[in-house]
Amino acid sequence: MNLENVLITPLVTEKAQNLQEIGNSQGKRMVKYSFKIHPLANKSLVKDAIKKIYNLSPSSINILVYKGKMKRFRNMPSQRPHWKKAIVTFENGANLEFGKGV
């Protein structure tokens, strides 16, 4: 798998913003960022992709698997796709700019 295809998009949600603020409130320089990742990616691939794209070394990576829900469209059931989320922790207070220049 290509390392450029491992990280699909950063997740900027209210819960992800709260994860970033927890490290500041506890007096630690720990920062957490959330990413939507490829369904076949694992922790080592995510770590290598972060190192290559952002030139930073994460201290820990947690991966969550979300199962797709069954939805109906015009009374026809269909399955939403499964996806994975990675929570990447940086101990040195790293700052990643996602929407810079938009």
C-alpha atoms as a PDB file:
ATOM      1  CA  MET A   1       0.000   0.000   0.000  1.00  0.00           C
ATOM      2  CA  ASN A   2       1.229   3.502  -0.843  1.00  0.00           C
ATOM      3  CA  LEU A   3       1.947   5.670   2.197  1.00  0.00           C
ATOM      4  CA  GLU A   4       0.150   8.626   0.567  1.00  0.00           C
ATOM      5  CA  ASN A   5      -3.067   6.564   0.493  1.00  0.00           C
ATOM      6  CA  VAL A   6      -3.006   5.539   4.163  1.00  0.00           C
ATOM      7  CA  LEU A   7      -4.283   8.847   5.602  1.00  0.00           C
ATOM      8  CA  ILE A   8      -7.537   9.747   3.847  1.00  0.00           C
ATOM      9  CA  THR A   9      -8.562  12.906   5.681  1.00  0.00           C
ATOM     10  CA  PRO A  10      -8.103  14.573   9.056  1.00  0.00           C
ATOM     11  CA  LEU A  11     -11.218  14.508  11.228  1.00  0.00           C
ATOM     12  CA  VAL A  12     -12.023  17.955  12.577  1.00  0.00           C
ATOM     13  CA  THR A  13     -14.939  17.379  14.925  1.00  0.00           C
ATOM     14  CA  GLU A  14     -15.943  18.709  18.313  1.00  0.00           C
ATOM     15  CA  LYS A  15     -14.715  15.535  20.009  1.00  0.00           C
ATOM     16  CA  ALA A  16     -11.354  15.746  18.206  1.00  0.00           C
ATOM     17  CA  GLN A  17     -10.970  19.373  19.295  1.00  0.00           C
ATOM     18  CA  ASN A  18     -11.656  18.339  22.902  1.00  0.00           C
ATOM     19  CA  LEU A  19      -8.904  15.703  22.667  1.00  0.00           C
ATOM     20  CA  GLN A  20      -6.436  18.428  21.694  1.00  0.00           C
ATOM     21  CA  GLU A  21      -7.466  20.607  24.646  1.00  0.00           C
ATOM     22  CA  ILE A  22      -7.190  17.818  27.255  1.00  0.00           C
ATOM     23  CA  GLY A  23      -3.396  17.811  27.079  1.00  0.00           C
ATOM     24  CA  ASN A  24      -3.243  21.572  27.594  1.00  0.00           C
ATOM     25  CA  SER A  25      -5.584  21.517  30.605  1.00  0.00           C
ATOM     26  CA  GLN A  26      -3.520  18.822  32.360  1.00  0.00           C
ATOM     27  CA  GLY A  27      -0.316  20.816  31.924  1.00  0.00           C
ATOM     28  CA  LYS A  28       1.207  18.267  29.548  1.00  0.00           C
ATOM     29  CA  ARG A  29       2.460  18.990  26.065  1.00  0.00           C
ATOM     30  CA  MET A  30       0.502  16.031  24.709  1.00  0.00           C
ATOM     31  CA  VAL A  31      -1.520  16.671  21.531  1.00  0.00           C
ATOM     32  CA  LYS A  32      -3.949  14.239  19.849  1.00  0.00           C
ATOM     33  CA  TYR A  33      -5.148  14.382  16.238  1.00  0.00           C
ATOM     34  CA  SER A  34      -7.761  12.187  14.525  1.00  0.00           C
ATOM     35  CA  PHE A  35      -7.561  10.872  10.965  1.00  0.00           C
ATOM     36  CA  LYS A  36      -9.813   8.783   8.753  1.00  0.00           C
ATOM     37  CA  ILE A  37      -7.554   6.050   7.399  1.00  0.00           C
ATOM     38  CA  HIS A  38      -7.640   3.314   4.761  1.00  0.00           C
ATOM     39  CA  PRO A  39      -9.586   0.204   5.890  1.00  0.00           C
ATOM     40  CA  LEU A  40      -6.532  -2.049   5.367  1.00  0.00           C
ATOM     41  CA  ALA A  41      -4.078   0.223   7.213  1.00  0.00           C
ATOM     42  CA  ASN A  42      -2.475  -0.752  10.510  1.00  0.00           C
ATOM     43  CA  LYS A  43      -0.518   1.114  13.207  1.00  0.00           C
ATOM     44  CA  SER A  44       2.886   0.734  11.562  1.00  0.00           C
ATOM     45  CA  LEU A  45       1.607   2.035   8.203  1.00  0.00           C
ATOM     46  CA  VAL A  46      -0.040   5.028   9.905  1.00  0.00           C
ATOM     47  CA  LYS A  47       3.182   5.796  11.797  1.00  0.00           C
ATOM     48  CA  ASP A  48       5.250   5.637   8.593  1.00  0.00           C
ATOM     49  CA  ALA A  49       2.744   7.844   6.744  1.00  0.00           C
ATOM     50  CA  ILE A  50       2.815  10.494   9.510  1.00  0.00           C
ATOM     51  CA  LYS A  51       6.618  10.481   9.444  1.00  0.00           C
ATOM     52  CA  LYS A  52       6.692  10.864   5.651  1.00  0.00           C
ATOM     53  CA  ILE A  53       3.934  13.476   5.231  1.00  0.00           C
ATOM     54  CA  TYR A  54       4.351  15.663   8.321  1.00  0.00           C
ATOM     55  CA  ASN A  55       7.999  14.887   9.262  1.00  0.00           C
ATOM     56  CA  LEU A  56       6.924  14.176  12.869  1.00  0.00           C
ATOM     57  CA  SER A  57       7.238  11.067  15.005  1.00  0.00           C
ATOM     58  CA  PRO A  58       4.064  10.097  16.923  1.00  0.00           C
ATOM     59  CA  SER A  59       4.408   8.659  20.413  1.00  0.00           C
ATOM     60  CA  SER A  60       1.315   6.424  20.187  1.00  0.00           C
ATOM     61  CA  ILE A  61      -1.436   5.484  17.747  1.00  0.00           C
ATOM     62  CA  ASN A  62      -4.883   4.091  18.569  1.00  0.00           C
ATOM     63  CA  ILE A  63      -7.075   2.656  15.802  1.00  0.00           C
ATOM     64  CA  LEU A  64     -10.861   2.298  15.970  1.00  0.00           C
ATOM     65  CA  VAL A  65     -12.967   0.304  13.493  1.00  0.00           C
ATOM     66  CA  TYR A  66     -16.425   1.608  12.604  1.00  0.00           C
ATOM     67  CA  LYS A  67     -18.858  -0.835  11.042  1.00  0.00           C
ATOM     68  CA  GLY A  68     -21.106   0.464   8.277  1.00  0.00           C
ATOM     69  CA  LYS A  69     -24.770   0.920   9.089  1.00  0.00           C
ATOM     70  CA  MET A  70     -27.700  -0.518   7.176  1.00  0.00           C
ATOM     71  CA  LYS A  71     -29.649   2.288   5.512  1.00  0.00           C
ATOM     72  CA  ARG A  72     -32.703   2.380   3.311  1.00  0.00           C
ATOM     73  CA  PHE A  73     -33.143   4.336   0.100  1.00  0.00           C
ATOM     74  CA  ARG A  74     -36.532   4.043  -1.592  1.00  0.00           C
ATOM     75  CA  ASN A  75     -37.263   0.950   0.492  1.00  0.00           C
ATOM     76  CA  MET A  76     -34.080  -0.774  -0.775  1.00  0.00           C
ATOM     77  CA  PRO A  77     -31.635  -1.703   2.000  1.00  0.00           C
ATOM     78  CA  SER A  78     -27.988  -0.907   1.431  1.00  0.00           C
ATOM     79  CA  GLN A  79     -24.850  -1.079   3.551  1.00  0.00           C
ATOM     80  CA  ARG A  80     -22.696   1.968   4.289  1.00  0.00           C
ATOM     81  CA  PRO A  81     -18.978   1.203   4.011  1.00  0.00           C
ATOM     82  CA  HIS A  82     -16.829   0.229   6.997  1.00  0.00           C
ATOM     83  CA  TRP A  83     -14.098   2.712   7.925  1.00  0.00           C
ATOM     84  CA  LYS A  84     -11.237   3.188  10.358  1.00  0.00           C
ATOM     85  CA  LYS A  85     -10.223   6.098  12.555  1.00  0.00           C
ATOM     86  CA  ALA A  86      -6.734   6.660  13.947  1.00  0.00           C
ATOM     87  CA  ILE A  87      -6.044   8.814  17.001  1.00  0.00           C
ATOM     88  CA  VAL A  88      -2.410   9.916  16.817  1.00  0.00           C
ATOM     89  CA  THR A  89      -0.693  11.240  19.965  1.00  0.00           C
ATOM     90  CA  PHE A  90       2.329  13.536  19.913  1.00  0.00           C
ATOM     91  CA  GLU A  91       4.210  14.088  23.184  1.00  0.00           C
ATOM     92  CA  ASN A  92       6.180  17.161  22.118  1.00  0.00           C
ATOM     93  CA  GLY A  93       3.188  19.442  21.491  1.00  0.00           C
ATOM     94  CA  ALA A  94       3.332  19.211  17.692  1.00  0.00           C
ATOM     95  CA  ASN A  95       1.081  21.525  15.691  1.00  0.00           C
ATOM     96  CA  LEU A  96      -0.391  20.242  12.413  1.00  0.00           C
ATOM     97  CA  GLU A  97      -2.018  22.799  10.086  1.00  0.00           C
ATOM     98  CA  PHE A  98      -4.798  21.171   8.056  1.00  0.00           C
ATOM     99  CA  GLY A  99      -6.650  23.944   6.239  1.00  0.00           C
ATOM    100  CA  LYS A 100      -3.801  26.405   5.826  1.00  0.00           C
ATOM    101  CA  GLY A 101      -4.103  28.410   2.624  1.00  0.00           C
ATOM    102  CA  VAL A 102      -7.740  27.524   1.923  1.00  0.00           C
END
